[in-house]
Amino acid sequence: MHLSSSVNRSITVVLLFYFSTLLSQEDVSFIKAGSFQIGSENGQEDESPMHVEWISGFYIDRFEVSIREWNRVSSFGEDIGYVFSEEQKFPKRGPSWYNFVNQLDFPMNMISWYDAIKWCNARSEFMGRLPLYYDPITNNIIRGQQLNSSSLIDVHWNRSGYRLPTEAEWEKAARGVSAGYKFPWGNSVDGSMANYKLSGDPFDNGASPRGYFNGHQQIENGEFSFGGESRVPPDRKNFYGLYDIVGNLSEWCWNWYDQNWYRNSKNTGRDDRGPELEDLSSIKPARVHRGGSFSTENSNKLGEPLRIAFRHVAYPDEYSTDRGIRCVRGDSHDPLWADAEMTNYGQWFYLSWLGYFFHSEKNWTFLPRKGWIYPSGYGSYDNWLYFHGFNLWLWTSKFVYPWHYDSKRKTWLKFKLDAPKGPRFVSFDLKIELLIEQY
């Protein structure tokens, strides 16, 4: 089999696009299950008492969600019925004078809490995972509904999809393994460590690129730089490899705000998710966001609001250029092809990316274009398909289909229908061609 070098390059470009896009959606750190000390005895009243929380394992984005990522997922979401606010169409981008990264690679902002949970659901569907946020009255997934503070929103906590962190999850991930410190690295902050108000970075009054404080940050003398301009710039990822956990953008969390929640007997100290709406006395309840931002002034007079324990508050319908998100997902899996739709024809189902298929009682599956296969794996995001005629297992997912990975030959195969000898797989490295008998 001989193909031109231009075709070879085209295949390469396609695969690089698939996987660069995939990786940009899933750069996460795993936070092991365990206990940690949350809160502070020396901060604001709503941060006390410091107490022990036990948190199940979860994954968290290493970076704040970028404008580029947001646009990619929201465009997909709008095509399948998601409705976001008008404001999220106009985020504050990076400055035009900064040439090292694209303006779209700055963190996403101008999003309400309602935008955030819808986007998490859309990101789940985009990646082939089950969405989490739903209306407990209708059992409908949150997509296009008009939401307000009286809207009932619940979470399928056992699904694998994306969501906002709880306050406890956020603080555990932010602290790393050290207890009691104000910041991930200790008890002081200067301009070389984080982007906050008048800190001396070149983006004052705006967000810095995600991960800017990686050891190459440029800091100038500023009103509150505190000598950071004269230090050898440190890499300020925290213990778990997270960037911008302090400053840059403050990050929405799941929890309703209750200033006395740490003292409330309903806080069990185990996978705490905050108060329920009916527990709140506020006429217009607010949600929590954490971490502080580029507009945060870190002064003792204000309670040092860049501290990890500081609990920032905003109404869920508010949006701002200094507020964004960092997603988490639980350490769990969805059943294989759990997002498949039932049809009116017995055991026939439909998947948007795979098409129609017949699922037998013995777990063999018939695909009209590929015949009988044996599937294994999770959701639509981690699938192994066994082609018995070749004794061959291939990996695929919603995101990379119709490409399949052959782990034995360490090559990518693409299924072709328009071949003169019938349906077949064509390899990425152009050395292997597997013919599939027509069924």
Protein backbone atom coordinates (compact mmCIF):
# COMPACT_ATOMS: atom_id res chain seq x y z
CA MET A 1 0.00 0.00 0.00
CA HIS A 2 1.46 3.35 -1.02
CA LEU A 3 0.11 6.74 -0.10
CA SER A 4 1.55 10.14 -0.92
CA SER A 5 3.50 12.08 1.68
CA SER A 6 0.79 14.77 1.58
CA VAL A 7 -1.82 12.18 2.67
CA ASN A 8 0.56 11.00 5.38
CA ARG A 9 0.93 14.56 6.62
CA SER A 10 -2.85 15.04 6.53
CA ILE A 11 -3.39 11.99 8.74
CA THR A 12 -0.73 13.25 11.11
CA VAL A 13 -2.38 16.65 11.33
CA VAL A 14 -5.77 15.06 12.03
CA LEU A 15 -4.41 12.94 14.87
CA LEU A 16 -2.41 15.77 16.36
CA PHE A 17 -5.57 17.88 16.32
CA TYR A 18 -7.57 15.13 18.02
CA PHE A 19 -5.09 14.60 20.80
CA SER A 20 -3.95 18.16 21.41
CA THR A 21 -7.63 19.02 21.77
CA LEU A 22 -8.25 16.03 24.01
CA LEU A 23 -5.30 16.79 26.28
CA SER A 24 -6.29 20.44 26.57
CA GLN A 25 -9.61 19.27 28.01
CA GLU A 26 -8.07 16.88 30.54
CA ASP A 27 -4.93 18.15 32.29
CA VAL A 28 -5.74 17.14 35.85
CA SER A 29 -4.17 16.16 39.15
CA PHE A 30 -5.50 13.39 41.37
CA ILE A 31 -6.21 14.27 45.00
CA LYS A 32 -6.14 11.15 47.16
CA ALA A 33 -8.90 10.47 49.65
CA GLY A 34 -8.09 11.52 53.18
CA SER A 35 -8.48 14.02 55.97
CA PHE A 36 -7.16 17.56 56.21
CA GLN A 37 -7.65 20.64 58.36
CA ILE A 38 -9.99 23.21 56.83
CA GLY A 39 -10.50 26.80 57.96
CA SER A 40 -8.53 29.09 60.22
CA GLU A 41 -8.56 30.21 63.85
CA ASN A 42 -6.81 33.49 63.02
CA GLY A 43 -8.87 34.72 60.09
CA GLN A 44 -12.46 35.81 59.52
CA GLU A 45 -15.26 34.64 61.78
CA ASP A 46 -16.77 32.46 59.04
CA GLU A 47 -13.50 30.51 58.71
CA SER A 48 -13.64 29.09 62.23
CA PRO A 49 -13.42 26.76 63.89
CA MET A 50 -10.57 25.05 62.06
CA HIS A 51 -11.69 21.44 61.87
CA VAL A 52 -10.94 18.12 60.19
CA GLU A 53 -12.71 17.16 56.97
CA TRP A 54 -12.52 13.78 55.22
CA ILE A 55 -12.73 14.00 51.43
CA SER A 56 -13.09 11.21 48.86
CA GLY A 57 -10.53 11.08 46.04
CA PHE A 58 -11.13 13.32 43.04
CA TYR A 59 -9.46 14.85 39.98
CA ILE A 60 -9.00 18.61 39.58
CA ASP A 61 -7.90 20.80 36.67
CA ARG A 62 -4.29 21.94 37.02
CA PHE A 63 -5.18 25.25 35.37
CA GLU A 64 -8.17 27.57 35.40
CA VAL A 65 -10.43 26.96 32.39
CA SER A 66 -9.26 29.07 29.44
CA ILE A 67 -11.35 31.18 27.08
CA ARG A 68 -10.40 28.78 24.26
CA GLU A 69 -11.61 25.72 26.20
CA TRP A 70 -14.80 27.49 27.19
CA ASN A 71 -15.59 28.48 23.61
CA ARG A 72 -14.97 24.98 22.27
CA VAL A 73 -17.28 23.33 24.79
CA SER A 74 -19.97 26.05 24.84
CA SER A 75 -20.22 25.93 21.02
CA PHE A 76 -20.75 22.18 21.22
CA GLY A 77 -23.26 22.69 24.02
CA GLU A 78 -25.30 25.29 22.16
CA ASP A 79 -25.64 22.85 19.25
CA ILE A 80 -27.36 20.33 21.55
CA GLY A 81 -29.59 22.71 23.49
CA TYR A 82 -27.47 24.46 26.12
CA VAL A 83 -28.24 28.13 26.75
CA PHE A 84 -25.65 30.41 28.37
CA SER A 85 -25.85 34.07 29.35
CA GLU A 86 -25.09 36.86 26.90
CA GLU A 87 -22.33 38.13 29.18
CA GLN A 88 -20.19 35.01 28.76
CA LYS A 89 -19.78 35.91 25.09
CA PHE A 90 -17.66 38.91 26.07
CA PRO A 91 -14.89 37.82 28.45
CA LYS A 92 -11.89 39.99 29.10
CA ARG A 93 -9.16 38.55 26.87
CA GLY A 94 -5.44 38.79 27.27
CA PRO A 95 -3.79 42.06 26.20
CA SER A 96 -2.90 42.42 22.52
CA TRP A 97 0.66 43.50 23.36
CA TYR A 98 1.48 40.13 24.96
CA ASN A 99 2.78 37.84 22.20
CA PHE A 100 3.88 34.72 24.08
CA VAL A 101 0.43 33.10 24.22
CA ASN A 102 -2.81 33.68 22.35
CA GLN A 103 -5.39 36.02 23.88
CA LEU A 104 -7.75 33.03 24.12
CA ASP A 105 -5.34 31.14 26.38
CA PHE A 106 -6.04 33.45 29.30
CA PRO A 107 -8.54 32.23 31.91
CA MET A 108 -12.25 32.46 31.11
CA ASN A 109 -14.23 35.11 32.99
CA MET A 110 -17.58 36.95 32.84
CA ILE A 111 -19.44 33.77 33.76
CA SER A 112 -22.19 33.42 36.32
CA TRP A 113 -22.45 30.41 38.61
CA TYR A 114 -25.33 29.24 36.42
CA ASP A 115 -23.14 29.48 33.31
CA ALA A 116 -20.50 27.48 35.16
CA ILE A 117 -22.66 24.49 36.05
CA LYS A 118 -24.17 24.35 32.56
CA TRP A 119 -20.68 24.42 31.06
CA CYS A 120 -19.59 21.58 33.37
CA ASN A 121 -22.52 19.52 32.08
CA ALA A 122 -21.65 20.39 28.47
CA ARG A 123 -18.00 19.47 29.07
CA SER A 124 -19.12 16.09 30.42
CA GLU A 125 -21.17 15.38 27.29
CA PHE A 126 -18.39 16.70 25.05
CA MET A 127 -15.98 14.16 26.56
CA GLY A 128 -18.43 11.24 26.56
CA ARG A 129 -19.16 11.34 30.29
CA LEU A 130 -22.53 11.53 32.02
CA PRO A 131 -23.51 15.09 33.07
CA LEU A 132 -24.11 15.64 36.78
CA TYR A 133 -26.32 18.69 37.38
CA TYR A 134 -30.05 18.06 37.06
CA ASP A 135 -33.50 19.31 38.11
CA PRO A 136 -34.70 16.94 40.90
CA ILE A 137 -38.38 17.69 40.10
CA THR A 138 -38.30 16.82 36.39
CA ASN A 139 -35.08 14.75 36.51
CA ASN A 140 -33.94 16.71 33.42
CA ILE A 141 -30.27 17.53 32.95
CA ILE A 142 -29.53 21.26 33.37
CA ARG A 143 -29.02 22.53 29.80
CA GLY A 144 -31.28 25.31 28.53
CA GLN A 145 -33.32 26.15 31.62
CA GLN A 146 -33.60 29.72 32.85
CA LEU A 147 -32.19 29.52 36.38
CA ASN A 148 -32.53 31.73 39.44
CA SER A 149 -31.84 31.43 43.18
CA SER A 150 -35.08 29.48 43.75
CA SER A 151 -34.28 26.90 41.03
CA LEU A 152 -33.78 23.42 42.40
CA ILE A 153 -30.47 21.96 41.25
CA ASP A 154 -29.11 18.62 42.42
CA VAL A 155 -26.02 16.59 41.59
CA HIS A 156 -25.46 12.97 40.54
CA TRP A 157 -22.38 12.72 42.77
CA ASN A 158 -21.62 9.12 41.72
CA ARG A 159 -21.19 9.93 38.01
CA SER A 160 -17.84 10.56 36.33
CA GLY A 161 -18.66 13.93 34.76
CA TYR A 162 -17.28 17.39 35.50
CA ARG A 163 -18.51 19.75 38.20
CA LEU A 164 -17.48 22.65 40.40
CA PRO A 165 -15.45 21.73 43.48
CA THR A 166 -17.04 21.88 46.89
CA GLU A 167 -15.41 24.36 49.25
CA ALA A 168 -13.76 21.48 51.09
CA GLU A 169 -12.41 19.93 47.89
CA TRP A 170 -11.07 23.29 46.74
CA GLU A 171 -9.31 23.96 50.03
CA LYS A 172 -7.84 20.45 50.26
CA ALA A 173 -6.44 20.74 46.73
CA ALA A 174 -5.15 24.25 47.42
CA ARG A 175 -3.39 23.38 50.68
CA GLY A 176 -1.59 20.27 49.51
CA VAL A 177 -0.26 18.34 52.51
CA SER A 178 0.51 21.33 54.75
CA ALA A 179 -1.94 22.50 57.41
CA GLY A 180 -2.33 25.93 58.92
CA TYR A 181 -0.45 28.03 56.36
CA LYS A 182 -2.06 31.10 54.85
CA PHE A 183 -0.82 30.20 51.35
CA PRO A 184 0.23 26.96 49.65
CA TRP A 185 3.91 27.84 50.17
CA GLY A 186 3.83 29.46 53.64
CA ASN A 187 2.58 32.57 55.44
CA SER A 188 3.68 35.40 53.16
CA VAL A 189 3.08 36.51 49.59
CA ASP A 190 4.89 38.84 47.21
CA GLY A 191 4.58 39.83 43.56
CA SER A 192 6.68 36.90 42.34
CA MET A 193 4.18 34.40 43.74
CA ALA A 194 0.72 35.39 42.51
CA ASN A 195 -1.26 37.90 40.45
CA TYR A 196 -3.09 40.25 42.81
CA LYS A 197 -3.82 43.99 42.91
CA LEU A 198 -0.69 46.10 42.22
CA SER A 199 1.56 43.06 42.67
CA GLY A 200 4.02 44.16 39.98
CA ASP A 201 3.26 41.68 37.20
CA PRO A 202 2.72 43.23 33.74
CA PHE A 203 -0.99 42.29 33.76
CA ASP A 204 -2.10 44.43 36.72
CA ASN A 205 -5.85 45.09 36.47
CA GLY A 206 -6.15 41.93 34.40
CA ALA A 207 -5.58 38.19 34.49
CA SER A 208 -2.20 36.71 33.65
CA PRO A 209 -1.89 33.73 31.27
CA ARG A 210 -2.67 30.42 32.93
CA GLY A 211 0.44 29.09 34.63
CA TYR A 212 2.36 32.36 34.23
CA PHE A 213 4.00 31.92 37.65
CA ASN A 214 6.09 28.96 36.49
CA GLY A 215 9.58 30.27 37.26
CA HIS A 216 9.79 32.58 34.25
CA GLN A 217 7.42 35.33 35.45
CA GLN A 218 8.56 38.92 34.97
CA ILE A 219 7.84 41.15 37.99
CA GLU A 220 8.45 44.88 38.31
CA ASN A 221 8.44 47.14 41.33
CA GLY A 222 4.83 47.73 42.34
CA GLU A 223 2.94 49.27 45.24
CA PHE A 224 2.32 45.82 46.75
CA SER A 225 5.07 43.75 45.09
CA PHE A 226 6.84 43.47 48.47
CA GLY A 227 10.24 42.92 46.87
CA GLY A 228 9.07 40.20 44.53
CA GLU A 229 10.78 41.99 41.62
CA SER A 230 14.20 41.34 43.17
CA ARG A 231 13.73 37.63 43.88
CA VAL A 232 14.70 34.70 41.69
CA PRO A 233 11.21 33.85 40.41
CA PRO A 234 9.97 30.58 41.89
CA ASP A 235 7.73 28.05 40.15
CA ARG A 236 4.52 28.52 42.10
CA LYS A 237 2.61 25.37 41.24
CA ASN A 238 1.44 23.91 44.52
CA PHE A 239 2.02 20.44 45.98
CA TYR A 240 -0.53 18.91 43.59
CA GLY A 241 0.83 20.75 40.54
CA LEU A 242 -1.95 23.36 40.45
CA TYR A 243 -1.29 26.85 39.11
CA ASP A 244 -3.00 30.14 40.03
CA ILE A 245 -4.71 28.64 43.06
CA VAL A 246 -3.99 32.02 44.69
CA GLY A 247 -4.85 35.17 42.74
CA ASN A 248 -5.46 35.59 39.01
CA LEU A 249 -9.15 34.63 39.02
CA SER A 250 -11.30 33.68 41.98
CA GLU A 251 -12.98 30.33 41.31
CA TRP A 252 -16.65 29.40 41.70
CA CYS A 253 -17.44 26.54 44.10
CA TRP A 254 -20.58 24.45 44.51
CA ASN A 255 -21.53 25.59 48.03
CA TRP A 256 -24.23 27.98 49.12
CA TYR A 257 -22.75 30.46 51.58
CA ASP A 258 -23.57 30.17 55.29
CA GLN A 259 -21.29 32.18 57.56
CA ASN A 260 -21.90 29.73 60.43
CA TRP A 261 -21.61 26.54 58.43
CA TYR A 262 -18.37 25.38 60.07
CA ARG A 263 -20.23 25.41 63.42
CA ASN A 264 -23.39 23.79 62.07
CA SER A 265 -24.16 20.28 63.34
CA LYS A 266 -25.30 19.31 59.81
CA ASN A 267 -21.67 19.64 58.69
CA THR A 268 -20.62 16.03 59.23
CA GLY A 269 -16.98 16.59 58.33
CA ARG A 270 -17.14 13.91 55.64
CA ASP A 271 -17.48 14.91 51.96
CA ASP A 272 -19.18 18.09 53.12
CA ARG A 273 -21.16 19.82 50.36
CA GLY A 274 -22.44 22.78 52.34
CA PRO A 275 -25.96 23.77 53.36
CA GLU A 276 -29.12 23.05 51.42
CA LEU A 277 -31.11 25.95 50.02
CA GLU A 278 -33.88 25.44 52.58
CA ASP A 279 -31.32 25.77 55.41
CA LEU A 280 -30.51 29.37 54.47
CA SER A 281 -32.19 32.38 56.02
CA SER A 282 -30.95 34.88 53.45
CA ILE A 283 -33.57 36.40 51.15
CA LYS A 284 -31.14 36.23 48.24
CA PRO A 285 -28.65 33.45 48.95
CA ALA A 286 -25.12 33.56 47.57
CA ARG A 287 -22.56 31.03 46.39
CA VAL A 288 -18.93 30.75 47.43
CA HIS A 289 -15.88 31.41 45.25
CA ARG A 290 -12.30 30.86 46.39
CA GLY A 291 -8.71 31.99 45.87
CA GLY A 292 -8.86 35.73 45.30
CA SER A 293 -8.05 37.44 42.01
CA PHE A 294 -6.01 40.05 40.16
CA SER A 295 -8.28 42.71 41.72
CA THR A 296 -7.84 41.45 45.29
CA GLU A 297 -5.88 43.72 47.61
CA ASN A 298 -4.00 41.51 50.06
CA SER A 299 -3.97 43.69 53.19
CA ASN A 300 -4.34 42.78 56.85
CA LYS A 301 -7.04 45.43 57.09
CA LEU A 302 -9.20 43.43 54.66
CA GLY A 303 -8.52 40.09 56.31
CA GLU A 304 -5.85 39.10 53.76
CA PRO A 305 -8.41 37.84 51.24
CA LEU A 306 -5.81 35.97 49.17
CA ARG A 307 -5.45 33.43 51.97
CA ILE A 308 -6.55 29.87 51.20
CA ALA A 309 -9.14 29.86 54.00
CA PHE A 310 -10.82 33.12 52.94
CA ARG A 311 -14.42 32.55 51.80
CA HIS A 312 -15.40 34.94 48.99
CA VAL A 313 -19.10 35.35 48.22
CA ALA A 314 -21.18 36.38 45.17
CA TYR A 315 -24.73 35.91 43.92
CA PRO A 316 -25.04 33.05 41.41
CA ASP A 317 -26.36 35.32 38.65
CA GLU A 318 -23.42 37.73 38.94
CA TYR A 319 -20.48 37.77 36.57
CA SER A 320 -17.16 39.56 36.66
CA THR A 321 -13.86 39.83 34.79
CA ASP A 322 -12.06 38.53 37.88
CA ARG A 323 -14.04 35.32 38.43
CA GLY A 324 -13.72 31.99 36.62
CA ILE A 325 -13.70 28.23 37.20
CA ARG A 326 -11.52 25.19 37.78
CA CYS A 327 -13.40 21.90 37.37
CA VAL A 328 -13.21 18.62 39.27
CA ARG A 329 -14.55 15.14 38.62
CA GLY A 330 -15.01 12.25 41.02
CA ASP A 331 -12.88 9.12 41.16
CA SER A 332 -15.59 6.99 39.57
CA HIS A 333 -16.63 5.56 36.21
CA ASP A 334 -19.83 5.49 34.19
CA PRO A 335 -21.15 2.17 32.85
CA LEU A 336 -20.14 1.39 29.27
CA TRP A 337 -22.12 3.51 26.78
CA ALA A 338 -24.37 4.80 29.55
CA ASP A 339 -25.26 7.76 27.33
CA ALA A 340 -26.80 5.52 24.63
CA GLU A 341 -30.43 6.23 23.71
CA MET A 342 -33.02 3.47 23.60
CA THR A 343 -34.95 2.93 20.36
CA ASN A 344 -38.36 1.40 19.68
CA TYR A 345 -36.75 -1.75 18.29
CA GLY A 346 -35.98 -4.11 21.13
CA GLN A 347 -32.31 -4.23 22.02
CA TRP A 348 -31.26 -1.65 19.45
CA PHE A 349 -29.67 1.51 20.84
CA TYR A 350 -28.21 4.71 19.42
CA LEU A 351 -25.01 6.59 20.21
CA SER A 352 -24.41 9.94 18.54
CA TRP A 353 -20.78 9.06 17.75
CA LEU A 354 -21.08 5.31 17.07
CA GLY A 355 -24.50 5.09 15.44
CA TYR A 356 -27.07 2.32 15.91
CA PHE A 357 -26.07 -0.96 17.54
CA PHE A 358 -27.68 -4.18 18.75
CA HIS A 359 -26.64 -5.30 22.24
CA SER A 360 -27.08 -9.01 22.92
CA GLU A 361 -27.75 -10.56 26.32
CA LYS A 362 -24.23 -12.03 26.31
CA ASN A 363 -22.65 -8.58 25.87
CA TRP A 364 -21.78 -9.12 22.21
CA THR A 365 -22.69 -6.08 20.16
CA PHE A 366 -23.62 -5.87 16.49
CA LEU A 367 -22.54 -2.74 14.61
CA PRO A 368 -24.09 -2.54 11.13
CA ARG A 369 -20.80 -1.34 9.64
CA LYS A 370 -18.41 -3.60 11.57
CA GLY A 371 -20.34 -6.72 12.48
CA TRP A 372 -20.12 -8.48 15.84
CA ILE A 373 -17.72 -7.08 18.42
CA TYR A 374 -17.18 -7.56 22.13
CA PRO A 375 -17.07 -4.17 23.91
CA SER A 376 -15.53 -3.40 27.28
CA GLY A 377 -14.71 -0.21 29.16
CA TYR A 378 -16.43 2.86 30.54
CA GLY A 379 -18.97 5.39 29.30
CA SER A 380 -18.16 6.72 25.83
CA TYR A 381 -14.70 7.85 26.92
CA ASP A 382 -12.68 4.63 27.41
CA ASN A 383 -13.75 1.80 25.11
CA TRP A 384 -12.03 -1.45 24.12
CA LEU A 385 -13.57 -3.32 21.18
CA TYR A 386 -12.70 -6.97 20.46
CA PHE A 387 -12.85 -8.04 16.78
CA HIS A 388 -13.02 -11.83 17.11
CA GLY A 389 -12.14 -12.55 13.48
CA PHE A 390 -8.68 -11.09 14.07
CA ASN A 391 -8.28 -11.82 17.79
CA LEU A 392 -7.76 -8.07 18.04
CA TRP A 393 -8.53 -5.55 20.78
CA LEU A 394 -8.69 -1.91 19.70
CA TRP A 395 -9.20 1.19 21.88
CA THR A 396 -11.43 4.12 20.91
CA SER A 397 -13.66 6.79 22.45
CA LYS A 398 -16.27 9.36 21.47
CA PHE A 399 -13.52 11.93 21.20
CA VAL A 400 -11.20 10.06 18.79
CA TYR A 401 -13.63 7.88 16.82
CA PRO A 402 -13.35 6.69 14.01
CA TRP A 403 -9.70 6.21 15.00
CA HIS A 404 -8.83 3.08 16.99
CA TYR A 405 -5.60 2.26 18.81
CA ASP A 406 -3.91 -1.13 18.37
CA SER A 407 -1.81 -1.52 21.52
CA LYS A 408 0.03 -4.61 20.21
CA ARG A 409 1.29 -2.92 17.06
CA LYS A 410 1.34 0.51 18.75
CA THR A 411 -0.41 2.14 15.83
CA TRP A 412 -3.61 4.02 15.11
CA LEU A 413 -6.16 2.48 12.72
CA LYS A 414 -9.02 4.20 10.95
CA PHE A 415 -12.04 2.28 9.67
CA LYS A 416 -12.80 2.82 5.99
CA LEU A 417 -16.00 1.84 4.19
CA ASP A 418 -15.21 2.94 0.64
CA ALA A 419 -12.43 0.41 0.00
CA PRO A 420 -12.49 -1.72 -3.20
CA LYS A 421 -11.95 -4.92 -1.19
CA GLY A 422 -14.62 -4.09 1.33
CA PRO A 423 -14.54 -2.44 4.77
CA ARG A 424 -11.09 -2.32 6.36
CA PHE A 425 -8.84 -0.57 8.85
CA VAL A 426 -6.08 1.62 7.47
CA SER A 427 -3.14 2.20 9.78
CA PHE A 428 -1.73 5.56 10.78
CA ASP A 429 1.84 4.43 10.10
CA LEU A 430 0.74 3.25 6.61
CA LYS A 431 2.45 -0.15 7.00
CA ILE A 432 -0.52 -2.23 8.13
CA GLU A 433 -3.80 -2.81 6.36
CA LEU A 434 -6.41 -5.05 8.02
CA LEU A 435 -9.25 -6.25 5.84
CA ILE A 436 -12.59 -6.81 7.56
CA GLU A 437 -15.03 -9.28 6.02
CA GLN A 438 -18.33 -7.73 5.02
CA TYR A 439 -21.24 -8.88 7.16
